[in-house]
Amino acid sequence: MKRLAILVYAILSYALGLVAILYGIAFVGGFVAKSVDAGGEGMPTLAAVIVDLVLLGIFAVQHSVMARPAFKAWWTRIVAPAIERSTYVLFASLALGLVYWQWRPIAGTVWITSQPLAGILMAIFWIGWATVIFSTHLINHYELFGLSQAWAAYQNRERTPTGFKTPLFYKVVRHPIYFGFLLAFWATPVMTASHLLFAAASTGYIFVGMWLEEMDLVAHFGDTYRRYRQTVSMIIPMPPKRG
């Protein structure tokens, strides 16, 4: 029963994570009434900026702190290691839900484009999200979202963690998931002040997140990752350097 409960918990957390991602696409793209551009109670600009930054800050703190090895070592004394990643996904989804729910739009428009540029920007938007999702599958999507860990626990077997690998996109950019997010956040035919705040703040967090993640990767993989870092670009896809 305990193993079954772990598996059900992981599946529900994964489902909530998928809902958060799918709604995030609609939220950023403006495909729902309550989006990054519209919906919610109006308030003075400064107050709205503060509220929005606090919301993004809550997600950033949760997302970064719970991903650190030191926190995981402490956290797995409280929760079973098999559901550590699923719990991370659950908390991240709830933090995103809070952003979607309480986001306050800001009046003003930075740019409005017309065809064919508008169509090109929308294509880049979808390419960005496709890059994010496809890149998770390149490095083991189900481990990233906690299902592999729960499935191994359900089968009562030891699980071998995924080793260091650089498939496809990872041969030309070290962080294709973050690169995809940047495309998705900045490529919009209509850039409102709200969208600009969201894109700029998220970009700042992405670079902080990359810096933290790279420290963890060097600590875990050592010279293997150092050599990889010397030859492959961090965020802009480029041919790998020789040597």
Foldseek 3Di string as FASTA:
>chain_A
DVLVVLLVLLVVLLVLLVVLLVVLLCQLQVVDQQHLAHDDDADDQVVLLVVLLVLVVVLLCLLQVLPDPVNLVVVCVPPPNLCSLSVSSNVNSVSSVCNSVHRHHDAFWDAAADPPLQVVLVVLLVVLSVQLVVVCVVQPVCVNSRNVSSVCVSVPHDDDDGDDDQPDQSQFEVCSNLLSVLSNLPRHNIGGPSSVSVNVSVNVSSVVSLVSVLVVCCVVVPPVVVVSPQFHHHRDGDHTDDD
